[in-house]
N, C-alpha and C. Protein backbone atom coordinates (compact mmCIF):
# COMPACT_ATOMS: atom_id res chain seq x y z
N MET A 1 -27.26 -32.06 -31.95
CA MET A 1 -25.63 -32.56 -32.38
C MET A 1 -25.61 -32.45 -30.68
N SER A 2 -24.76 -33.03 -30.01
CA SER A 2 -24.50 -33.51 -28.74
C SER A 2 -22.59 -33.51 -28.46
N VAL A 3 -22.51 -32.77 -27.45
CA VAL A 3 -21.15 -32.29 -27.37
C VAL A 3 -20.69 -33.79 -26.61
N PRO A 4 -19.43 -34.94 -26.71
CA PRO A 4 -18.91 -35.30 -26.32
C PRO A 4 -19.10 -34.90 -23.99
N VAL A 5 -19.45 -35.88 -23.72
CA VAL A 5 -19.22 -35.12 -22.19
C VAL A 5 -17.42 -34.85 -21.62
N ARG A 6 -16.94 -36.09 -21.93
CA ARG A 6 -15.23 -36.24 -22.27
C ARG A 6 -14.75 -34.72 -22.42
N SER A 7 -15.03 -34.17 -23.68
CA SER A 7 -14.87 -32.65 -24.80
C SER A 7 -15.04 -31.88 -23.66
N VAL A 8 -16.16 -31.21 -22.89
CA VAL A 8 -16.39 -30.92 -22.45
C VAL A 8 -15.82 -30.57 -21.07
N ALA A 9 -15.67 -31.67 -20.46
CA ALA A 9 -14.92 -32.00 -19.25
C ALA A 9 -13.56 -31.58 -19.26
N MET A 10 -13.06 -32.53 -20.56
CA MET A 10 -11.56 -31.35 -20.69
C MET A 10 -11.55 -30.05 -20.74
N ARG A 11 -12.49 -29.32 -21.39
CA ARG A 11 -12.84 -28.13 -22.28
C ARG A 11 -12.43 -27.15 -21.40
N SER A 12 -13.07 -27.87 -19.64
CA SER A 12 -13.66 -27.07 -18.67
C SER A 12 -12.47 -27.44 -17.52
N MET A 13 -11.92 -28.19 -18.21
CA MET A 13 -10.60 -28.15 -17.05
C MET A 13 -9.06 -27.62 -17.44
N VAL A 14 -9.17 -27.25 -18.89
CA VAL A 14 -7.80 -26.49 -19.71
C VAL A 14 -8.35 -24.37 -18.60
N LEU A 15 -9.58 -24.69 -18.63
CA LEU A 15 -9.75 -23.14 -19.01
C LEU A 15 -9.49 -22.65 -17.42
N HIS A 16 -10.46 -24.13 -16.42
CA HIS A 16 -9.60 -23.46 -15.31
C HIS A 16 -7.83 -23.55 -15.07
N LEU A 17 -7.25 -24.55 -15.86
CA LEU A 17 -5.35 -23.69 -16.16
C LEU A 17 -5.08 -23.09 -16.77
N LEU A 18 -5.51 -22.52 -17.65
CA LEU A 18 -6.02 -21.42 -17.84
C LEU A 18 -5.61 -20.20 -16.49
N LEU A 19 -7.26 -20.06 -15.64
CA LEU A 19 -7.33 -18.65 -15.26
C LEU A 19 -6.13 -19.63 -14.18
N PHE A 20 -5.71 -20.07 -13.53
CA PHE A 20 -5.18 -20.40 -12.71
C PHE A 20 -3.78 -19.78 -12.60
N VAL A 21 -2.87 -19.79 -14.23
CA VAL A 21 -1.94 -19.78 -14.33
C VAL A 21 -1.76 -18.67 -14.87
N LEU A 22 -2.80 -17.44 -15.39
CA LEU A 22 -3.19 -16.39 -16.23
C LEU A 22 -3.31 -15.18 -14.24
N SER A 23 -4.29 -15.87 -13.50
CA SER A 23 -4.87 -14.99 -12.57
C SER A 23 -3.77 -13.60 -11.70
N PRO A 24 -2.74 -14.59 -11.91
CA PRO A 24 -1.11 -13.59 -10.78
C PRO A 24 -0.87 -12.39 -12.71
N LEU A 25 -0.95 -12.92 -13.50
CA LEU A 25 -1.20 -11.65 -14.45
C LEU A 25 -1.89 -10.93 -14.62
N LEU A 26 -3.27 -10.72 -14.89
CA LEU A 26 -3.81 -10.44 -14.47
C LEU A 26 -4.36 -9.16 -13.42
N ALA A 27 -3.91 -9.69 -11.98
CA ALA A 27 -4.02 -9.13 -11.25
C ALA A 27 -3.15 -8.19 -10.75
N TRP A 28 -1.89 -9.21 -11.40
CA TRP A 28 -0.29 -6.91 -12.12
C TRP A 28 -0.79 -6.25 -12.86
N SER A 29 -1.51 -7.30 -14.36
CA SER A 29 -1.63 -5.85 -15.35
C SER A 29 -2.86 -4.57 -14.58
N SER A 30 -3.57 -4.92 -13.61
CA SER A 30 -3.79 -3.75 -13.10
C SER A 30 -3.29 -2.62 -12.23
N HIS A 31 -2.26 -3.33 -11.46
CA HIS A 31 -1.16 -2.01 -10.94
C HIS A 31 -0.23 -1.72 -11.75
N VAL A 32 -0.63 -1.85 -13.01
CA VAL A 32 0.39 -1.03 -14.42
C VAL A 32 0.33 0.61 -14.20
N ALA A 33 0.78 1.42 -14.52
CA ALA A 33 0.82 2.72 -14.40
C ALA A 33 0.76 2.93 -15.28
N GLY A 34 -0.66 4.07 -14.79
CA GLY A 34 -1.58 4.76 -16.41
C GLY A 34 -2.58 3.82 -16.12
N SER A 35 -3.32 2.34 -15.92
CA SER A 35 -3.37 1.69 -16.13
C SER A 35 -4.89 1.68 -15.48
N PRO A 36 -6.49 1.92 -15.72
CA PRO A 36 -7.77 2.49 -14.70
C PRO A 36 -7.72 0.99 -13.96
N GLY A 37 -7.91 1.61 -13.24
CA GLY A 37 -7.14 1.07 -11.53
C GLY A 37 -6.39 0.61 -11.08
N ALA A 38 -4.54 1.29 -10.67
CA ALA A 38 -3.52 2.02 -10.84
C ALA A 38 -4.20 2.02 -8.71
N PRO A 39 -3.51 1.45 -7.98
CA PRO A 39 -4.19 2.06 -6.43
C PRO A 39 -3.30 2.89 -6.18
N LEU A 40 -1.83 3.72 -7.37
CA LEU A 40 -1.09 4.80 -6.77
C LEU A 40 -1.39 5.17 -7.60
N ALA A 41 -0.07 6.38 -7.03
CA ALA A 41 -0.12 7.86 -8.37
C ALA A 41 0.70 7.45 -8.78
N TRP A 42 0.61 6.73 -10.32
CA TRP A 42 1.88 6.20 -10.48
C TRP A 42 1.99 7.31 -12.13
N ASP A 43 3.62 7.12 -11.97
CA ASP A 43 4.11 8.07 -13.70
C ASP A 43 3.24 6.83 -14.61
N SER A 44 3.51 7.78 -15.36
CA SER A 44 2.49 6.56 -16.94
C SER A 44 3.66 6.56 -17.71
N LYS A 45 5.08 7.05 -17.41
CA LYS A 45 6.74 7.02 -18.02
C LYS A 45 7.34 6.16 -17.33
N SER A 46 6.92 6.10 -16.34
CA SER A 46 8.73 5.35 -15.71
C SER A 46 8.31 4.50 -14.55
N GLY A 47 6.56 4.62 -14.46
CA GLY A 47 5.75 3.96 -13.20
C GLY A 47 6.22 3.50 -12.52
N LYS A 48 6.88 4.92 -12.12
CA LYS A 48 7.53 4.79 -10.41
C LYS A 48 6.01 5.52 -9.93
N LEU A 49 5.93 5.43 -8.09
CA LEU A 49 5.13 6.74 -8.34
C LEU A 49 5.92 8.44 -8.23
N SER A 50 3.89 8.71 -8.24
CA SER A 50 4.70 10.11 -8.70
C SER A 50 3.62 11.02 -7.42
N ILE A 51 5.14 11.98 -7.02
CA ILE A 51 3.93 12.99 -6.12
C ILE A 51 4.69 14.38 -7.16
N LYS A 52 3.55 15.27 -6.85
CA LYS A 52 4.73 16.58 -7.64
C LYS A 52 4.52 17.84 -6.87
N ILE A 53 5.05 18.74 -5.96
CA ILE A 53 4.62 20.25 -5.99
C ILE A 53 4.61 20.76 -6.70
N ASN A 54 4.19 22.14 -7.69
CA ASN A 54 4.15 23.32 -8.04
C ASN A 54 4.44 22.02 -9.77
N GLY A 55 3.94 21.45 -9.29
CA GLY A 55 4.21 21.00 -11.18
C GLY A 55 5.24 19.29 -11.82
N MET A 56 6.25 19.85 -10.53
CA MET A 56 6.98 19.36 -11.04
C MET A 56 7.56 17.81 -10.00
N PRO A 57 8.25 17.23 -10.01
CA PRO A 57 8.23 15.93 -9.46
C PRO A 57 8.56 16.20 -7.54
N ALA A 58 7.81 15.66 -7.07
CA ALA A 58 8.35 15.98 -5.55
C ALA A 58 10.04 15.67 -5.52
N GLN A 59 10.33 15.26 -5.96
CA GLN A 59 11.79 14.59 -5.06
C GLN A 59 12.90 15.12 -6.11
N ALA A 60 13.05 16.52 -6.51
CA ALA A 60 13.00 16.96 -8.05
C ALA A 60 14.72 18.09 -6.62
N VAL A 61 14.10 18.69 -5.26
CA VAL A 61 14.65 19.91 -5.02
C VAL A 61 14.40 19.77 -4.05
N CYS A 62 14.98 19.93 -3.04
CA CYS A 62 14.43 20.08 -1.68
C CYS A 62 13.84 22.08 -1.89
N TRP A 63 12.49 21.14 -0.82
CA TRP A 63 11.48 22.16 -1.18
C TRP A 63 11.78 23.56 0.16
N VAL A 64 11.25 24.14 -0.40
CA VAL A 64 10.96 25.81 0.82
C VAL A 64 10.12 26.19 0.71
N ALA A 65 9.10 26.32 1.94
CA ALA A 65 8.24 26.74 3.27
C ALA A 65 8.34 27.28 3.34
N GLN A 66 8.12 29.11 2.40
CA GLN A 66 7.87 30.56 2.75
C GLN A 66 7.69 30.45 4.16
N SER A 67 6.50 29.85 4.16
CA SER A 67 6.04 30.71 5.05
C SER A 67 5.12 29.70 5.47
N ALA A 68 4.69 29.54 6.99
CA ALA A 68 4.17 28.55 7.67
C ALA A 68 1.89 27.92 6.93
N GLU A 69 1.98 28.36 5.88
CA GLU A 69 0.92 27.90 4.84
C GLU A 69 1.61 26.64 4.37
N GLY A 70 2.99 26.52 4.00
CA GLY A 70 3.59 25.78 3.80
C GLY A 70 3.09 25.31 1.89
N LEU A 71 3.48 23.50 1.63
CA LEU A 71 3.78 23.35 0.36
C LEU A 71 2.56 22.09 0.69
N VAL A 72 1.68 21.71 -0.45
CA VAL A 72 0.69 21.16 -1.53
C VAL A 72 1.26 20.29 -2.24
N ALA A 73 1.02 18.40 -2.56
CA ALA A 73 1.60 17.99 -3.42
C ALA A 73 0.25 17.67 -3.56
N THR A 74 0.82 17.30 -5.06
CA THR A 74 -1.31 16.67 -5.62
C THR A 74 0.04 15.45 -6.14
N LEU A 75 -1.15 14.32 -6.65
CA LEU A 75 -1.46 13.13 -6.21
C LEU A 75 -2.39 12.92 -7.21
N SER A 76 -2.54 12.13 -8.21
CA SER A 76 -3.73 11.61 -8.11
C SER A 76 -3.50 10.54 -8.75
N GLY A 77 -4.53 9.31 -8.65
CA GLY A 77 -5.02 8.20 -8.27
C GLY A 77 -3.95 6.93 -7.52
N ALA A 78 -4.27 8.26 -6.43
CA ALA A 78 -3.57 7.44 -4.60
C ALA A 78 -3.81 7.26 -3.78
N GLU A 79 -5.30 6.22 -4.20
CA GLU A 79 -5.67 5.48 -2.72
C GLU A 79 -4.96 4.47 -2.06
N GLY A 80 -3.97 4.12 -2.40
CA GLY A 80 -3.09 3.25 -2.23
C GLY A 80 -1.79 3.95 -1.02
N VAL A 81 -2.24 5.62 -1.37
CA VAL A 81 -0.31 6.29 -0.71
C VAL A 81 -0.65 6.92 0.06
N VAL A 82 0.69 6.97 1.15
CA VAL A 82 0.19 8.00 2.72
C VAL A 82 1.45 8.57 2.97
N VAL A 83 1.32 9.53 2.18
CA VAL A 83 2.42 10.64 2.95
C VAL A 83 2.55 11.18 4.16
N TYR A 84 3.87 11.00 4.88
CA TYR A 84 3.38 11.43 6.05
C TYR A 84 5.42 12.57 6.71
N ASP A 85 5.36 12.67 7.75
CA ASP A 85 6.33 12.91 8.07
C ASP A 85 6.87 12.54 9.48
N PRO A 86 8.13 11.42 8.94
CA PRO A 86 8.49 10.57 10.33
C PRO A 86 9.52 11.84 11.12
N ASP A 87 9.95 13.51 10.77
CA ASP A 87 10.81 14.10 10.99
C ASP A 87 10.10 14.81 12.43
N ALA A 88 8.44 15.10 11.59
CA ALA A 88 7.11 15.66 12.28
C ALA A 88 7.90 15.01 14.48
N PRO A 89 7.89 16.56 15.01
CA PRO A 89 7.73 15.74 16.94
C PRO A 89 6.82 15.18 17.43
N CYS A 90 6.82 13.75 16.82
CA CYS A 90 5.89 12.90 17.18
C CYS A 90 5.93 12.21 18.35
N GLY A 91 6.85 12.60 19.07
CA GLY A 91 7.73 11.39 19.44
C GLY A 91 8.50 9.55 18.56
N ASN A 92 9.15 9.01 19.98
CA ASN A 92 8.91 7.78 19.19
C ASN A 92 9.49 6.74 18.22
N GLY A 93 8.99 6.59 16.78
CA GLY A 93 8.46 6.05 16.18
C GLY A 93 7.11 6.71 14.90
N GLY A 94 6.57 7.92 15.85
CA GLY A 94 5.93 8.97 15.25
C GLY A 94 5.53 9.79 14.38
N ALA A 95 4.55 9.98 13.46
CA ALA A 95 4.87 10.36 11.82
C ALA A 95 3.25 11.30 11.60
N PHE A 96 3.67 12.28 10.94
CA PHE A 96 2.64 13.22 10.99
C PHE A 96 2.06 13.37 9.56
N ILE A 97 1.18 12.65 9.78
CA ILE A 97 0.01 12.37 8.16
C ILE A 97 -0.71 13.41 7.09
N HIS A 98 -0.03 13.12 6.07
CA HIS A 98 0.02 14.99 5.80
C HIS A 98 -1.40 14.33 4.40
N TYR A 99 -0.99 12.92 3.62
CA TYR A 99 -2.05 12.95 2.26
C TYR A 99 -2.77 11.03 3.63
N ALA A 100 -3.76 10.60 2.72
CA ALA A 100 -4.36 9.25 3.60
C ALA A 100 -4.67 8.48 2.11
N GLY A 101 -4.58 8.17 1.32
CA GLY A 101 -5.72 7.85 -0.02
C GLY A 101 -6.85 8.47 -0.73
N SER A 102 -7.17 9.37 -0.20
CA SER A 102 -8.05 10.74 -0.87
C SER A 102 -8.41 11.44 0.16
N GLY A 103 -8.73 12.83 -0.88
CA GLY A 103 -9.15 13.78 -0.42
C GLY A 103 -7.89 15.04 0.12
N ASP A 104 -8.48 15.56 0.83
CA ASP A 104 -7.43 16.91 1.13
C ASP A 104 -5.36 16.56 1.23
N PHE A 105 -4.72 17.19 1.19
CA PHE A 105 -2.75 17.21 1.35
C PHE A 105 -3.12 17.90 2.38
N VAL A 106 -2.97 17.30 4.23
CA VAL A 106 -2.54 19.34 4.63
C VAL A 106 -1.39 19.36 4.02
N PRO A 107 -1.04 20.51 4.48
CA PRO A 107 0.04 20.66 4.23
C PRO A 107 1.29 21.01 4.85
N MET A 108 2.78 20.39 3.71
CA MET A 108 3.95 20.25 4.32
C MET A 108 4.53 22.11 4.90
N ALA A 109 5.24 22.80 6.01
CA ALA A 109 5.48 23.37 6.26
C ALA A 109 6.95 23.01 6.92
N ALA A 110 6.73 22.50 7.47
CA ALA A 110 8.29 22.37 8.55
C ALA A 110 8.02 22.54 9.65
N ASP A 111 6.63 22.84 10.25
CA ASP A 111 6.85 23.88 11.23
C ASP A 111 8.05 23.06 12.65
N ALA A 112 7.62 21.93 13.19
CA ALA A 112 8.63 22.14 14.35
C ALA A 112 9.02 21.53 14.47
N GLY A 113 9.49 21.00 15.25
CA GLY A 113 11.60 20.35 15.03
C GLY A 113 12.73 20.68 14.68
N LYS A 114 13.17 20.41 13.61
CA LYS A 114 13.95 19.89 12.68
C LYS A 114 14.01 21.73 12.18
N LEU A 115 14.87 22.29 11.11
CA LEU A 115 14.29 23.06 10.23
C LEU A 115 13.67 22.43 8.94
N VAL A 116 15.07 21.29 8.76
CA VAL A 116 13.93 20.46 6.79
C VAL A 116 13.67 19.40 7.41
N HIS A 117 12.53 18.70 6.91
CA HIS A 117 11.99 17.42 7.29
C HIS A 117 11.92 16.88 5.85
N ARG A 118 12.13 15.42 6.48
CA ARG A 118 11.90 14.42 5.09
C ARG A 118 10.30 13.89 5.08
N TYR A 119 9.60 15.11 3.64
CA TYR A 119 8.31 13.74 4.02
C TYR A 119 8.54 11.87 2.99
N ILE A 120 8.14 11.45 3.57
CA ILE A 120 7.86 9.83 2.12
C ILE A 120 6.13 9.90 2.18
N ALA A 121 6.10 9.08 0.93
CA ALA A 121 4.61 8.88 -0.05
C ALA A 121 5.18 7.42 -0.76
N GLY A 122 4.20 7.09 0.42
CA GLY A 122 4.14 4.77 0.51
C GLY A 122 3.56 4.46 0.02
N ALA A 123 3.10 2.96 -0.45
CA ALA A 123 2.19 2.33 -0.81
C ALA A 123 1.68 1.52 0.34
N PHE A 124 0.65 2.20 0.39
CA PHE A 124 0.37 0.33 2.24
C PHE A 124 -0.67 -0.33 0.96
N GLY A 125 -0.82 -1.09 2.04
CA GLY A 125 -2.36 -1.85 2.12
C GLY A 125 -3.58 -1.30 2.34
N PRO A 126 -4.76 -1.39 2.80
CA PRO A 126 -6.11 -1.11 3.20
C PRO A 126 -5.86 -0.76 4.89
N ASP A 127 -5.45 -1.36 5.14
CA ASP A 127 -5.59 -1.33 6.27
C ASP A 127 -4.09 0.06 7.45
N ILE A 128 -3.40 -0.04 6.53
CA ILE A 128 -2.19 1.15 7.17
C ILE A 128 -3.21 1.70 6.64
N VAL A 129 -3.58 2.18 5.36
CA VAL A 129 -3.82 2.98 4.51
C VAL A 129 -5.19 4.12 6.13
N GLU A 130 -5.69 3.03 6.40
CA GLU A 130 -7.54 4.12 7.32
C GLU A 130 -6.51 4.35 7.99
N HIS A 131 -5.32 3.66 8.75
CA HIS A 131 -4.88 3.93 10.31
C HIS A 131 -4.63 5.52 10.01
N ALA A 132 -3.82 5.33 8.88
CA ALA A 132 -3.43 6.91 8.29
C ALA A 132 -4.54 8.13 8.67
N LYS A 133 -5.46 7.86 7.49
CA LYS A 133 -7.35 8.87 7.61
C LYS A 133 -7.73 9.05 8.50
N PHE A 134 -7.43 7.51 9.43
CA PHE A 134 -7.96 8.19 10.81
C PHE A 134 -7.08 9.30 12.07
N ALA A 135 -5.71 10.18 11.30
CA ALA A 135 -5.03 10.10 12.10
C ALA A 135 -5.16 11.00 11.31
N LEU A 136 -5.19 12.20 9.86
CA LEU A 136 -4.21 12.77 8.80
C LEU A 136 -4.53 14.24 9.42
N GLY A 137 -3.80 14.66 9.53
CA GLY A 137 -3.47 16.14 9.89
C GLY A 137 -3.30 15.94 10.97
N THR A 138 -2.72 15.37 11.77
CA THR A 138 -2.29 15.07 13.22
C THR A 138 -1.38 13.77 14.02
N CYS A 139 -0.63 13.39 14.17
CA CYS A 139 0.31 12.49 14.24
C CYS A 139 -0.31 11.69 14.89
N ALA A 140 0.81 10.26 14.07
CA ALA A 140 0.31 8.93 15.16
C ALA A 140 1.56 8.29 15.16
N ALA A 141 1.27 7.97 16.36
CA ALA A 141 1.88 6.91 17.39
C ALA A 141 2.33 5.48 16.25
N ASP A 142 4.02 5.55 16.36
CA ASP A 142 4.23 4.50 15.76
C ASP A 142 4.15 4.31 14.18
N PHE A 143 4.39 5.36 13.03
CA PHE A 143 3.99 4.92 11.96
C PHE A 143 4.63 5.10 11.23
N PRO A 144 4.56 3.86 9.60
CA PRO A 144 4.25 3.26 8.97
C PRO A 144 4.11 1.70 10.35
N GLY A 145 4.50 1.42 11.44
CA GLY A 145 4.45 -0.01 12.07
C GLY A 145 5.80 -0.30 12.08
N GLN A 146 6.21 -0.97 12.80
CA GLN A 146 7.62 -1.83 13.27
C GLN A 146 7.36 -3.11 12.05
N GLY A 147 8.26 -2.10 11.20
CA GLY A 147 9.24 -3.39 10.31
C GLY A 147 7.70 -3.30 9.07
N VAL A 148 6.88 -2.63 9.19
CA VAL A 148 6.12 -2.46 7.92
C VAL A 148 6.92 -1.51 6.86
N ILE A 149 7.13 -1.86 5.84
CA ILE A 149 7.38 -1.55 4.22
C ILE A 149 6.83 -1.79 3.68
N PRO A 150 6.88 0.55 2.85
CA PRO A 150 5.56 0.55 2.33
C PRO A 150 5.64 0.00 0.49
N LEU A 151 4.99 -0.85 -0.33
CA LEU A 151 4.93 -1.47 -1.32
C LEU A 151 6.10 -1.25 -2.07
N GLU A 152 6.02 0.45 -2.02
CA GLU A 152 6.52 1.07 -4.11
C GLU A 152 6.89 2.94 -1.99
N SER A 153 7.72 3.68 -2.65
CA SER A 153 7.74 4.84 -1.75
C SER A 153 8.39 6.36 -2.88
N THR A 154 8.96 7.53 -2.44
CA THR A 154 10.16 8.27 -3.00
C THR A 154 8.92 9.49 -0.92
N SER A 155 10.34 10.52 -1.40
CA SER A 155 11.12 11.14 -0.67
C SER A 155 11.63 12.88 -0.49
N TRP A 156 10.79 13.41 -0.44
CA TRP A 156 11.23 14.16 -0.41
C TRP A 156 12.11 15.88 0.39
N LYS A 157 12.51 16.45 0.64
CA LYS A 157 12.64 17.43 1.43
C LYS A 157 11.06 18.44 1.48
N VAL A 158 11.84 19.32 2.06
CA VAL A 158 11.58 21.41 2.36
C VAL A 158 11.78 21.39 4.50
N SER A 159 11.85 22.63 3.63
CA SER A 159 13.39 23.64 4.49
C SER A 159 12.04 24.41 4.64
N ALA A 160 12.01 25.06 6.18
CA ALA A 160 11.49 25.87 6.90
C ALA A 160 12.15 27.42 6.86
N LYS A 161 12.21 27.94 5.78
CA LYS A 161 13.06 29.60 5.48
C LYS A 161 12.25 30.10 6.43
N TYR A 162 10.14 30.35 6.52
CA TYR A 162 10.08 31.47 7.44
C TYR A 162 10.65 31.53 9.16
N ARG A 163 11.28 29.95 9.49
CA ARG A 163 11.57 29.74 11.03
C ARG A 163 13.18 29.70 11.00
N GLY A 164 14.08 30.57 9.50
CA GLY A 164 15.38 30.73 9.73
C GLY A 164 16.22 29.37 8.47
N MET A 165 15.63 28.52 7.93
CA MET A 165 16.72 27.68 6.92
C MET A 165 17.00 28.84 5.76
N ALA A 166 18.28 28.70 5.24
CA ALA A 166 18.71 29.38 4.32
C ALA A 166 17.68 28.22 2.77
N GLU A 167 17.04 29.47 1.79
CA GLU A 167 17.75 29.22 0.78
C GLU A 167 17.51 28.14 0.35
N ASN A 168 18.55 28.47 0.25
CA ASN A 168 18.80 26.81 -0.89
C ASN A 168 19.68 25.58 -0.16
N PRO A 169 19.21 25.42 0.41
CA PRO A 169 19.99 23.64 1.69
C PRO A 169 20.36 23.41 1.04
N ARG A 170 21.18 21.86 1.35
CA ARG A 170 21.97 20.68 1.18
C ARG A 170 20.34 19.91 1.29
N ARG A 171 20.58 18.87 0.34
CA ARG A 171 19.54 17.79 -0.20
C ARG A 171 20.81 16.30 1.18
């Protein structure tokens, strides 16, 4: 039995139209919280970027670094996330890079400059993450870049008690 050419052409056209309409939804679903292949450290309940210190959400309190060894945050599934410290004395527009998409996390100690530093975890595109990987553990000039805004971000503070900061600084 042969299928009419018109029927095959019509099916092909409908299939292409469906793929065109559904492709944005399919791309979005790969970034949904907790989904396999999600490029960020997503919290499966809130759908927000999730960074933890000592098992608690990083933004829950102002953390206290008791020593120069600092604090380490936990991220999982964070291929597109960069954690950086814009309060580090890196020069105008620079930031110290603590984490860049994968691998080790450089401890946060607020060890120079202000006694309380604000740390930012931002979701960036691959080019910004590569720039940060190159500078991991050092200052990156002009980071994340003039006018560059993360797709999603969260922030928290760390105070340097070992340098003379009060135990419970204001947020």
